[in-house]
Every structure is written in structure tokens, then in C-alpha cells.
């Protein structure tokens, strides 16, 4: 008389009890390893909903018109800790950025223009009609007109920075409080 397979595997014998406990332990270790792997895997970044930011409608008494961000600019803006807008008054182009936290993603405009193939010259500090200090430079690329580009960063208390690195270390060190407004303006020159 043969013992059915079910009785052979589940009969109350010492060997079966040890085998069942060992199998249970292996399954529990596998579950523990899987849980640990899931816990160590970086979770996907939450989908950030950009807060609405109202940009100025005029600059120096001249009406501003919004411009769409290009594809590369939009990808950059999606990761930027704040908000970015491009505006124009018909003669100048403005890039406005509200920065919510200190970041190395806010870098000097000269770096961007160099990366786009412009030659940078005449870097100096200048005061505008309202006596605000700006870092300005000429940007020129073969086959295009020459641009005069100026930039500055202003913190929540009105303190201005013309050097991005000085702003960054001041913000990281807690000496400058945000949010910060970074303004870059470019106009054609002859």
C-alpha cells in the first residue's frame, strides 16, 4: 500500500517539521530582503505643482509682454527651485527668476552666453538711472548682433548682489533671506 504524496509531505514527522520551518524561514528572509530593497530604492520625486508667481507688468514705466520659454529653458525651469519667466518690452529681453532656496542652478549669465557660443567682453559694474548696481558685459557671436547683458539678484530685504557666488554663499550662510529675485536683461547694441 502506497502512501499518498500529500500524506508523505505533511505527515507529522520530525523531518517534515524541520523542512517546513526551514521553508518558512527562507520565505521570511526573502520577504525581508525584498522590503529592504524597496526601502532603499529612491522613491520617485513627487510631481511638483509650480506655485503661481505674478511677474511685473512693466519695467521703468514701459509695458512688458511675456515670452514663452524654449524647450531647453522649460526643462531647466521644471527642475529649478522657484519660477522663471521671459519678458520683453520690445527692445530688451528680461529673464526673471524667483529663487526659493539657495541653489547652484542660479549661475552667472556670462556662463550661459559662453555655453551658447558668445564671446564675453567688457565685464564691469554699472549703475542704472535709479542708482542700482548691475554686473554687465557685452556678448557677441559671429553672425549675430552684439548684446549688452546686465544682471543682479535682490533678496527679500532689498539687499542686492551682482555676483552670483557671493549671493549663494550669503544665502547658504543665512546672511541673506529669500525668496530672491534674479533679473537678467539683454539689449542689442551696435
C-alpha atoms as a PDB file:
ATOM      1  CA  UNK A   1       0.000   0.000   0.000  1.00  0.00           C
ATOM      2  CA  UNK A   2       1.483   3.306  -1.057  1.00  0.00           C
ATOM      3  CA  UNK A   3       1.240   6.481   0.967  1.00  0.00           C
ATOM      4  CA  UNK A   4      -0.347   9.326  -0.972  1.00  0.00           C
ATOM      5  CA  UNK A   5       2.001  12.217  -1.795  1.00  0.00           C
ATOM      6  CA  UNK A   6       0.048  14.634   0.419  1.00  0.00           C
ATOM      7  CA  UNK A   7       0.454  12.409   3.484  1.00  0.00           C
ATOM      8  CA  UNK A   8       4.150  11.939   2.758  1.00  0.00           C
ATOM      9  CA  UNK A   9       4.855  15.731   2.745  1.00  0.00           C
ATOM     10  CA  UNK A  10       2.549  16.770   5.541  1.00  0.00           C
ATOM     11  CA  UNK A  11       2.708  13.853   7.941  1.00  0.00           C
ATOM     12  CA  UNK A  12       3.632  14.844  11.472  1.00  0.00           C
ATOM     13  CA  UNK A  13       7.213  13.590  11.359  1.00  0.00           C
ATOM     14  CA  UNK A  14      10.373  15.234  12.632  1.00  0.00           C
ATOM     15  CA  UNK A  15      11.893  15.603   9.128  1.00  0.00           C
ATOM     16  CA  UNK A  16       8.745  17.280   7.778  1.00  0.00           C
ATOM     17  CA  UNK A  17       8.541  19.688  10.728  1.00  0.00           C
ATOM     18  CA  UNK A  18      12.173  20.769  10.187  1.00  0.00           C
ATOM     19  CA  UNK A  19      11.660  21.113   6.412  1.00  0.00           C
ATOM     20  CA  UNK A  20       8.514  23.234   6.860  1.00  0.00           C
ATOM     21  CA  UNK A  21      10.211  25.551   9.374  1.00  0.00           C
ATOM     22  CA  UNK A  22      13.236  25.920   7.087  1.00  0.00           C
ATOM     23  CA  UNK A  23      10.986  26.728   4.102  1.00  0.00           C
ATOM     24  CA  UNK A  24       9.082  29.273   6.198  1.00  0.00           C
ATOM     25  CA  UNK A  25      12.383  30.886   7.284  1.00  0.00           C
ATOM     26  CA  UNK A  26      13.579  31.122   3.668  1.00  0.00           C
ATOM     27  CA  UNK A  27      10.303  32.760   2.601  1.00  0.00           C
ATOM     28  CA  UNK A  28      10.512  35.247   5.514  1.00  0.00           C
ATOM     29  CA  UNK A  29      14.144  36.118   4.647  1.00  0.00           C
ATOM     30  CA  UNK A  30      13.137  36.669   1.013  1.00  0.00           C
ATOM     31  CA  UNK A  31      10.302  38.980   2.136  1.00  0.00           C
ATOM     32  CA  UNK A  32      12.683  40.862   4.429  1.00  0.00           C
ATOM     33  CA  UNK A  33      15.253  41.267   1.630  1.00  0.00           C
ATOM     34  CA  UNK A  34      12.559  42.478  -0.768  1.00  0.00           C
ATOM     35  CA  UNK A  35      11.265  45.009   1.800  1.00  0.00           C
ATOM     36  CA  UNK A  36      14.783  46.287   2.437  1.00  0.00           C
ATOM     37  CA  UNK A  37      15.429  46.637  -1.303  1.00  0.00           C
ATOM     38  CA  UNK A  38      12.173  48.567  -1.741  1.00  0.00           C
ATOM     39  CA  UNK A  39      13.001  50.822   1.211  1.00  0.00           C
ATOM     40  CA  UNK A  40      16.492  51.592  -0.116  1.00  0.00           C
ATOM     41  CA  UNK A  41      15.321  52.330  -3.646  1.00  0.00           C
ATOM     42  CA  UNK A  42      14.836  56.079  -4.098  1.00  0.00           C
ATOM     43  CA  UNK A  43      11.202  56.963  -4.279  1.00  0.00           C
ATOM     44  CA  UNK A  44      10.080  58.850  -7.354  1.00  0.00           C
ATOM     45  CA  UNK A  45      10.125  62.589  -6.921  1.00  0.00           C
ATOM     46  CA  UNK A  46       6.688  63.953  -6.175  1.00  0.00           C
ATOM     47  CA  UNK A  47       5.146  65.871  -9.011  1.00  0.00           C
ATOM     48  CA  UNK A  48       5.714  69.448  -8.040  1.00  0.00           C
ATOM     49  CA  UNK A  49       2.990  71.888  -8.843  1.00  0.00           C
ATOM     50  CA  UNK A  50       4.623  75.177  -9.566  1.00  0.00           C
ATOM     51  CA  UNK A  51       3.170  77.896  -7.406  1.00  0.00           C
ATOM     52  CA  UNK A  52       1.677  80.784  -9.290  1.00  0.00           C
ATOM     53  CA  UNK A  53       4.009  83.743  -9.462  1.00  0.00           C
ATOM     54  CA  UNK A  54       2.875  87.124 -10.713  1.00  0.00           C
ATOM     55  CA  UNK A  55       5.584  88.831 -12.728  1.00  0.00           C
ATOM     56  CA  UNK A  56       5.826  92.609 -13.163  1.00  0.00           C
ATOM     57  CA  UNK A  57       3.721  94.034 -15.975  1.00  0.00           C
ATOM     58  CA  UNK A  58       6.049  96.990 -16.537  1.00  0.00           C
ATOM     59  CA  UNK A  59       9.684  97.953 -16.090  1.00  0.00           C
ATOM     60  CA  UNK A  60      10.716 101.561 -15.750  1.00  0.00           C
ATOM     61  CA  UNK A  61       7.296 102.706 -16.925  1.00  0.00           C
ATOM     62  CA  UNK A  62       7.416 100.553 -20.079  1.00  0.00           C
ATOM     63  CA  UNK A  63       4.874  97.739 -20.531  1.00  0.00           C
ATOM     64  CA  UNK A  64       6.269  94.167 -20.521  1.00  0.00           C
ATOM     65  CA  UNK A  65       4.998  91.297 -22.679  1.00  0.00           C
ATOM     66  CA  UNK A  66       5.522  87.657 -21.655  1.00  0.00           C
ATOM     67  CA  UNK A  67       7.502  85.337 -23.935  1.00  0.00           C
ATOM     68  CA  UNK A  68       7.270  81.552 -23.976  1.00  0.00           C
ATOM     69  CA  UNK A  69      10.196  79.559 -22.641  1.00  0.00           C
ATOM     70  CA  UNK A  70      12.036  77.459 -25.208  1.00  0.00           C
ATOM     71  CA  UNK A  71      12.148  73.673 -24.890  1.00  0.00           C
ATOM     72  CA  UNK A  72      15.553  73.648 -23.176  1.00  0.00           C
ATOM     73  CA  UNK A  73      14.561  76.538 -20.912  1.00  0.00           C
ATOM     74  CA  UNK A  74      11.355  74.743 -19.939  1.00  0.00           C
ATOM     75  CA  UNK A  75      13.242  71.557 -18.993  1.00  0.00           C
ATOM     76  CA  UNK A  76      15.572  73.686 -16.863  1.00  0.00           C
ATOM     77  CA  UNK A  77      12.616  75.536 -15.305  1.00  0.00           C
ATOM     78  CA  UNK A  78      10.932  72.235 -14.394  1.00  0.00           C
ATOM     79  CA  UNK A  79      13.844  71.423 -12.057  1.00  0.00           C
ATOM     80  CA  UNK A  80      14.534  74.985 -10.897  1.00  0.00           C
ATOM     81  CA  UNK A  81      13.708  75.737  -7.220  1.00  0.00           C
ATOM     82  CA  UNK A  82      11.423  78.649  -7.978  1.00  0.00           C
ATOM     83  CA  UNK A  83       9.900  80.200 -11.071  1.00  0.00           C
ATOM     84  CA  UNK A  84      11.319  81.518 -14.349  1.00  0.00           C
ATOM     85  CA  UNK A  85       9.830  83.924 -16.883  1.00  0.00           C
ATOM     86  CA  UNK A  86      10.980  85.614 -20.077  1.00  0.00           C
ATOM     87  CA  UNK A  87       9.519  89.034 -20.863  1.00  0.00           C
ATOM     88  CA  UNK A  88      10.183  91.801 -23.350  1.00  0.00           C
ATOM     89  CA  UNK A  89       9.452  95.492 -23.665  1.00  0.00           C
ATOM     90  CA  UNK A  90      10.090  95.404 -27.417  1.00  0.00           C
ATOM     91  CA  UNK A  91      13.727  96.497 -27.096  1.00  0.00           C
ATOM     92  CA  UNK A  92      15.083  94.470 -24.192  1.00  0.00           C
ATOM     93  CA  UNK A  93      14.626  90.866 -23.163  1.00  0.00           C
ATOM     94  CA  UNK A  94      14.221  90.121 -19.456  1.00  0.00           C
ATOM     95  CA  UNK A  95      14.803  86.775 -17.758  1.00  0.00           C
ATOM     96  CA  UNK A  96      13.249  86.921 -14.292  1.00  0.00           C
ATOM     97  CA  UNK A  97      13.745  84.155 -11.759  1.00  0.00           C
ATOM     98  CA  UNK A  98      12.241  83.862  -8.326  1.00  0.00           C
ATOM     99  CA  UNK A  99      14.553  81.637  -6.301  1.00  0.00           C
ATOM    100  CA  UNK A 100      13.061  79.939  -3.242  1.00  0.00           C
ATOM    101  CA  UNK A 101      16.193  78.219  -1.883  1.00  0.00           C
ATOM    102  CA  UNK A 102      19.934  78.710  -2.408  1.00  0.00           C
ATOM    103  CA  UNK A 103      20.930  76.748  -5.498  1.00  0.00           C
ATOM    104  CA  UNK A 104      23.841  76.325  -7.865  1.00  0.00           C
ATOM    105  CA  UNK A 105      21.268  76.246 -10.668  1.00  0.00           C
ATOM    106  CA  UNK A 106      21.340  80.049 -10.489  1.00  0.00           C
ATOM    107  CA  UNK A 107      24.637  80.851 -12.153  1.00  0.00           C
ATOM    108  CA  UNK A 108      26.152  83.900 -13.874  1.00  0.00           C
ATOM    109  CA  UNK A 109      24.558  84.908 -17.181  1.00  0.00           C
ATOM    110  CA  UNK A 110      28.038  85.065 -18.721  1.00  0.00           C
ATOM    111  CA  UNK A 111      28.298  81.281 -18.258  1.00  0.00           C
ATOM    112  CA  UNK A 112      25.063  80.770 -20.230  1.00  0.00           C
ATOM    113  CA  UNK A 113      26.145  83.074 -23.034  1.00  0.00           C
ATOM    114  CA  UNK A 114      29.567  81.393 -23.255  1.00  0.00           C
ATOM    115  CA  UNK A 115      27.844  77.999 -23.476  1.00  0.00           C
ATOM    116  CA  UNK A 116      25.757  79.363 -26.366  1.00  0.00           C
ATOM    117  CA  UNK A 117      28.931  80.351 -28.246  1.00  0.00           C
ATOM    118  CA  UNK A 118      29.129  84.048 -27.357  1.00  0.00           C
ATOM    119  CA  UNK A 119      32.381  85.843 -26.694  1.00  0.00           C
ATOM    120  CA  UNK A 120      32.185  87.833 -23.444  1.00  0.00           C
ATOM    121  CA  UNK A 121      33.911  91.223 -23.111  1.00  0.00           C
ATOM    122  CA  UNK A 122      33.722  94.490 -21.174  1.00  0.00           C
ATOM    123  CA  UNK A 123      32.666  92.918 -17.863  1.00  0.00           C
ATOM    124  CA  UNK A 124      32.112  95.668 -15.312  1.00  0.00           C
ATOM    125  CA  UNK A 125      29.751  97.020 -12.668  1.00  0.00           C
ATOM    126  CA  UNK A 126      27.347  99.752 -13.761  1.00  0.00           C
ATOM    127  CA  UNK A 127      24.666 101.862 -12.121  1.00  0.00           C
ATOM    128  CA  UNK A 128      21.315 102.397 -13.804  1.00  0.00           C
ATOM    129  CA  UNK A 129      19.146 105.534 -13.745  1.00  0.00           C
ATOM    130  CA  UNK A 130      17.821 104.570 -10.281  1.00  0.00           C
ATOM    131  CA  UNK A 131      21.398 104.102  -8.943  1.00  0.00           C
ATOM    132  CA  UNK A 132      21.011 100.304  -8.747  1.00  0.00           C
ATOM    133  CA  UNK A 133      24.239  98.368  -9.227  1.00  0.00           C
ATOM    134  CA  UNK A 134      24.371  95.727 -12.026  1.00  0.00           C
ATOM    135  CA  UNK A 135      27.060  93.381 -13.352  1.00  0.00           C
ATOM    136  CA  UNK A 136      27.140  93.966 -17.109  1.00  0.00           C
ATOM    137  CA  UNK A 137      29.024  92.554 -20.097  1.00  0.00           C
ATOM    138  CA  UNK A 138      28.991  92.575 -23.878  1.00  0.00           C
ATOM    139  CA  UNK A 139      28.138  89.277 -25.591  1.00  0.00           C
ATOM    140  CA  UNK A 140      28.993  88.811 -29.252  1.00  0.00           C
ATOM    141  CA  UNK A 141      28.668  85.814 -31.547  1.00  0.00           C
ATOM    142  CA  UNK A 142      29.697  85.685 -35.174  1.00  0.00           C
ATOM    143  CA  UNK A 143      26.769  86.351 -37.474  1.00  0.00           C
ATOM    144  CA  UNK A 144      24.585  87.910 -34.768  1.00  0.00           C
ATOM    145  CA  UNK A 145      24.331  91.356 -33.313  1.00  0.00           C
ATOM    146  CA  UNK A 146      26.132  92.363 -30.185  1.00  0.00           C
ATOM    147  CA  UNK A 147      24.252  92.308 -26.871  1.00  0.00           C
ATOM    148  CA  UNK A 148      24.671  94.235 -23.649  1.00  0.00           C
ATOM    149  CA  UNK A 149      23.664  91.945 -20.781  1.00  0.00           C
ATOM    150  CA  UNK A 150      23.200  93.071 -17.175  1.00  0.00           C
ATOM    151  CA  UNK A 151      22.207  91.091 -14.106  1.00  0.00           C
ATOM    152  CA  UNK A 152      21.561  91.389 -10.383  1.00  0.00           C
ATOM    153  CA  UNK A 153      19.962  89.427  -7.537  1.00  0.00           C
ATOM    154  CA  UNK A 154      17.842  91.009  -4.802  1.00  0.00           C
ATOM    155  CA  UNK A 155      16.860  89.292  -1.554  1.00  0.00           C
ATOM    156  CA  UNK A 156      13.622  89.641   0.420  1.00  0.00           C
ATOM    157  CA  UNK A 157      15.095  92.509   2.463  1.00  0.00           C
ATOM    158  CA  UNK A 158      16.178  94.505  -0.619  1.00  0.00           C
ATOM    159  CA  UNK A 159      19.873  93.644  -0.402  1.00  0.00           C
ATOM    160  CA  UNK A 160      21.350  93.349  -3.905  1.00  0.00           C
ATOM    161  CA  UNK A 161      24.086  91.105  -5.254  1.00  0.00           C
ATOM    162  CA  UNK A 162      25.920  91.487  -8.545  1.00  0.00           C
ATOM    163  CA  UNK A 163      27.989  88.339  -8.045  1.00  0.00           C
ATOM    164  CA  UNK A 164      26.156  85.012  -8.085  1.00  0.00           C
ATOM    165  CA  UNK A 165      28.758  83.259  -5.952  1.00  0.00           C
ATOM    166  CA  UNK A 166      28.571  85.978  -3.285  1.00  0.00           C
ATOM    167  CA  UNK A 167      24.771  85.624  -3.288  1.00  0.00           C
ATOM    168  CA  UNK A 168      24.967  81.840  -2.981  1.00  0.00           C
ATOM    169  CA  UNK A 169      27.344  81.805  -0.007  1.00  0.00           C
ATOM    170  CA  UNK A 170      25.447  84.607   1.695  1.00  0.00           C
ATOM    171  CA  UNK A 171      22.177  82.689   1.248  1.00  0.00           C
ATOM    172  CA  UNK A 172      23.647  79.355   2.373  1.00  0.00           C
ATOM    173  CA  UNK A 173      25.215  81.062   5.393  1.00  0.00           C
ATOM    174  CA  UNK A 174      21.877  82.589   6.401  1.00  0.00           C
ATOM    175  CA  UNK A 175      23.047  86.181   5.864  1.00  0.00           C
ATOM    176  CA  UNK A 176      20.554  86.708   3.042  1.00  0.00           C
ATOM    177  CA  UNK A 177      16.914  85.638   3.254  1.00  0.00           C
ATOM    178  CA  UNK A 178      14.742  84.598   0.345  1.00  0.00           C
ATOM    179  CA  UNK A 179      12.869  84.420  -1.760  1.00  0.00           C
ATOM    180  CA  UNK A 180      15.326  86.105  -4.099  1.00  0.00           C
ATOM    181  CA  UNK A 181      14.628  87.766  -7.426  1.00  0.00           C
ATOM    182  CA  UNK A 182      17.286  87.381 -10.107  1.00  0.00           C
ATOM    183  CA  UNK A 183      16.976  89.716 -13.072  1.00  0.00           C
ATOM    184  CA  UNK A 184      18.929  89.408 -16.310  1.00  0.00           C
ATOM    185  CA  UNK A 185      18.264  91.882 -19.085  1.00  0.00           C
ATOM    186  CA  UNK A 186      19.726  91.927 -22.586  1.00  0.00           C
ATOM    187  CA  UNK A 187      19.530  94.583 -25.273  1.00  0.00           C
ATOM    188  CA  UNK A 188      21.068  94.892 -28.723  1.00  0.00           C
ATOM    189  CA  UNK A 189      23.931  97.353 -29.152  1.00  0.00           C
ATOM    190  CA  UNK A 190      25.811  98.498 -32.261  1.00  0.00           C
END
